[in-house]
Amino acid sequence: MKRPTQHVFVVENGTTYAFDAVIKLEAQASNKIAEEEADVNGKTHTNYAILQPETVQMEVSVSDTVTASEEPLTKGTGARSQQAFETMRAMRKRRNLLTVITPKSTYSKMLIETLVMEENADYQNEAHMTITFKEMIVAPKKKTNNNNNDKKNEEKPPENETQKPSILFDLTGIVGKLKDKLGGLFGKK
């Protein structure tokens, strides 16, 4: 049996992966919306409708009976189904940002959140997997305008602490100057 035409792809670092069959695909986009009036007082609409990461969940199959040569997903030794599962496990562990291409949309900055392998009598000689991809949203680091604090934090301590006069030396000098100025109060010998 030859592999049917594919319409769903997962791209990692320029390598494109495809499954023998995508049985089901669900894409979800949502907002977390404030539910109490106190949460929205004095705020703009962006403060009370927070974008949540998009998710794409796929139910896929890779069969040992399908012929596909030099396919990155199943390339290697052993059965195609076993190799496909191992490839997806390794991809999840690497935690690289992925691109998921579907007929309706392309999703960037995705990570594999869950990978479920199902084995039963209905799925003999195939890898029947459910994979959930989740968008990686990272807020940019806020820049501070207070450059004085940054410069103070960057100051290095003296390289040789012995070059810095001790507090005792400073106090001795001050007491000596006071004696000279006040003269008779301390009595001269």
Protein backbone atom coordinates (compact mmCIF):
# COMPACT_ATOMS: atom_id res chain seq x y z
CA MET A 1 0.00 0.00 0.00
CA LYS A 2 1.42 3.41 -0.92
CA ARG A 3 1.14 6.35 1.32
CA PRO A 4 -1.78 8.71 0.57
CA THR A 5 -1.25 12.42 -0.16
CA GLN A 6 -0.48 14.35 3.00
CA HIS A 7 -2.02 17.67 4.04
CA VAL A 8 -0.66 18.07 7.60
CA PHE A 9 3.02 18.60 8.37
CA VAL A 10 5.23 19.22 11.38
CA VAL A 11 8.42 21.20 10.70
CA GLU A 12 11.41 21.14 13.07
CA ASN A 13 14.61 23.00 12.17
CA GLY A 14 13.88 22.75 8.45
CA THR A 15 12.96 19.04 8.47
CA THR A 16 9.38 18.26 7.48
CA TYR A 17 7.53 15.32 9.04
CA ALA A 18 4.26 13.82 7.80
CA PHE A 19 2.05 10.98 9.06
CA ASP A 20 0.40 8.25 6.99
CA ALA A 21 -3.02 9.46 8.09
CA VAL A 22 -4.42 12.29 10.17
CA ILE A 23 -7.61 10.76 11.55
CA LYS A 24 -8.76 13.84 13.42
CA LEU A 25 -7.45 17.36 13.91
CA GLU A 26 -8.73 19.96 16.39
CA ALA A 27 -7.40 23.49 16.68
CA GLN A 28 -8.36 25.67 19.63
CA ALA A 29 -7.90 29.40 20.23
CA SER A 30 -9.24 31.00 23.40
CA ASN A 31 -9.13 34.00 25.70
CA LYS A 32 -9.25 34.03 29.47
CA ILE A 33 -11.87 36.62 30.32
CA ALA A 34 -12.21 38.35 33.69
CA GLU A 35 -15.42 37.38 35.48
CA GLU A 36 -15.64 39.98 38.25
CA GLU A 37 -16.31 43.68 37.90
CA ALA A 38 -13.42 44.55 40.21
CA ASP A 39 -11.03 42.88 37.76
CA VAL A 40 -12.00 45.23 34.90
CA ASN A 41 -12.47 48.61 36.61
CA GLY A 42 -10.13 51.18 35.10
CA LYS A 43 -8.68 48.74 32.57
CA THR A 44 -8.79 48.53 28.80
CA HIS A 45 -10.26 45.56 26.97
CA THR A 46 -6.80 43.96 26.60
CA ASN A 47 -6.46 43.69 30.38
CA TYR A 48 -9.55 41.60 30.88
CA ALA A 49 -9.40 39.38 27.80
CA ILE A 50 -6.05 37.60 28.01
CA LEU A 51 -4.91 35.61 24.97
CA GLN A 52 -4.30 31.96 25.78
CA PRO A 53 -1.84 29.79 23.85
CA GLU A 54 -3.37 28.15 20.79
CA THR A 55 -3.44 24.35 20.74
CA VAL A 56 -3.59 21.82 17.93
CA GLN A 57 -4.50 18.24 18.74
CA MET A 58 -4.02 15.51 16.15
CA GLU A 59 -5.01 11.89 16.10
CA VAL A 60 -2.54 10.31 13.66
CA SER A 61 -1.52 6.92 12.34
CA VAL A 62 1.70 5.47 10.94
CA SER A 63 1.38 1.93 9.60
CA ASP A 64 3.94 -0.82 9.08
CA THR A 65 2.10 -1.85 5.89
CA VAL A 66 2.53 1.51 4.13
CA THR A 67 5.50 2.03 1.82
CA ALA A 68 7.40 5.30 2.18
CA SER A 69 11.09 5.65 1.39
CA GLU A 70 13.46 8.15 3.01
CA GLU A 71 10.67 9.61 5.16
CA PRO A 72 12.26 11.48 8.14
CA LEU A 73 9.53 10.34 10.55
CA THR A 74 10.07 6.62 9.93
CA LYS A 75 13.66 6.59 8.66
CA GLY A 76 15.78 4.15 10.61
CA THR A 77 15.79 0.56 11.71
CA GLY A 78 12.82 -1.50 12.79
CA ALA A 79 9.12 -1.19 12.05
CA ARG A 80 7.81 2.14 10.72
CA SER A 81 5.26 2.45 13.53
CA GLN A 82 7.90 1.99 16.24
CA GLN A 83 10.30 4.41 14.53
CA ALA A 84 7.56 7.05 14.13
CA PHE A 85 6.75 6.87 17.84
CA GLU A 86 10.44 7.10 18.81
CA THR A 87 10.90 10.09 16.48
CA MET A 88 7.97 11.93 18.09
CA ARG A 89 9.24 11.10 21.60
CA ALA A 90 12.67 12.48 20.73
CA MET A 91 11.07 15.60 19.24
CA ARG A 92 9.12 16.17 22.47
CA LYS A 93 12.28 15.78 24.57
CA ARG A 94 14.28 18.21 22.40
CA ARG A 95 11.69 20.94 23.07
CA ASN A 96 12.48 22.82 19.86
CA LEU A 97 9.90 25.26 18.55
CA LEU A 98 7.86 23.60 15.81
CA THR A 99 5.67 24.76 12.95
CA VAL A 100 2.43 22.83 12.41
CA ILE A 101 0.96 23.20 8.93
CA THR A 102 -2.69 22.24 8.43
CA PRO A 103 -5.03 22.82 5.48
CA LYS A 104 -6.70 25.71 7.35
CA SER A 105 -3.77 27.44 9.04
CA THR A 106 -0.06 27.43 9.90
CA TYR A 107 0.86 27.51 13.60
CA SER A 108 4.29 28.77 14.63
CA LYS A 109 6.22 28.50 17.90
CA MET A 110 4.54 25.26 18.91
CA LEU A 111 5.78 22.67 21.41
CA ILE A 112 4.61 19.12 21.96
CA GLU A 113 2.62 19.27 25.18
CA THR A 114 1.42 15.65 25.24
CA LEU A 115 2.11 12.52 23.22
CA VAL A 116 -0.20 9.55 23.73
CA MET A 117 0.39 6.18 22.04
CA GLU A 118 -2.64 3.90 21.90
CA GLU A 119 -2.24 0.17 21.39
CA ASN A 120 -5.17 -2.23 21.12
CA ALA A 121 -6.61 -4.88 18.80
CA ASP A 122 -7.95 -2.22 16.41
CA TYR A 123 -4.49 -0.71 15.88
CA GLN A 124 -2.25 -3.69 15.14
CA ASN A 125 0.93 -2.97 13.17
CA GLU A 126 0.49 0.79 13.42
CA ALA A 127 1.36 3.69 15.68
CA HIS A 128 -1.92 5.31 16.64
CA MET A 129 -0.96 8.53 18.44
CA THR A 130 -2.70 11.59 19.80
CA ILE A 131 -0.35 14.59 19.85
CA THR A 132 -1.17 17.94 21.41
CA PHE A 133 0.87 20.93 20.27
CA LYS A 134 0.72 24.13 22.32
CA GLU A 135 1.81 27.61 21.28
CA MET A 136 4.78 28.97 23.19
CA ILE A 137 3.96 32.51 24.30
CA VAL A 138 6.76 34.36 26.04
CA ALA A 139 6.26 37.92 27.21
CA PRO A 140 9.14 40.22 26.24
CA LYS A 141 11.38 41.33 29.06
CA LYS A 142 10.44 44.81 30.25
CA LYS A 143 13.10 47.48 29.78
CA THR A 144 13.79 49.80 32.69
CA ASN A 145 14.51 53.49 32.14
CA ASN A 146 16.43 53.79 35.39
CA ASN A 147 20.01 53.64 34.10
CA ASN A 148 21.48 54.85 37.41
CA ASN A 149 20.47 51.65 39.19
CA ASP A 150 21.94 49.54 36.39
CA LYS A 151 25.26 51.42 36.60
CA LYS A 152 25.40 51.03 40.38
CA ASN A 153 24.85 47.30 40.08
CA GLU A 154 27.62 47.04 37.50
CA GLU A 155 30.28 48.66 39.75
CA LYS A 156 32.99 46.23 40.74
CA PRO A 157 34.45 46.04 44.23
CA PRO A 158 38.11 47.08 44.61
CA GLU A 159 40.50 44.37 43.42
CA ASN A 160 42.75 44.67 46.47
CA GLU A 161 40.90 45.33 49.71
CA THR A 162 44.17 46.31 51.50
CA GLN A 163 44.39 49.47 49.37
CA LYS A 164 41.23 50.79 51.00
CA PRO A 165 41.90 52.49 54.38
CA SER A 166 40.30 50.84 57.37
CA ILE A 167 37.57 52.52 59.43
CA LEU A 168 39.85 52.46 62.47
CA PHE A 169 42.49 54.44 60.54
CA ASP A 170 39.87 57.01 59.52
CA LEU A 171 38.61 57.42 63.11
CA THR A 172 42.15 57.76 64.48
CA GLY A 173 42.83 60.57 62.01
CA ILE A 174 39.61 62.36 62.91
CA VAL A 175 40.29 62.11 66.65
CA GLY A 176 43.82 63.47 66.07
CA LYS A 177 42.49 66.49 64.18
CA LEU A 178 39.92 67.18 66.91
CA LYS A 179 42.67 67.12 69.56
CA ASP A 180 44.69 69.65 67.61
CA LYS A 181 41.76 72.01 67.15
CA LEU A 182 40.41 71.76 70.68
CA GLY A 183 43.86 71.77 72.22
CA GLY A 184 43.46 72.36 75.91
CA LEU A 185 40.40 70.24 76.43
CA PHE A 186 42.36 67.00 76.19
CA GLY A 187 45.38 68.34 78.05
CA LYS A 188 48.84 68.46 76.50
CA LYS A 189 51.68 66.38 77.80
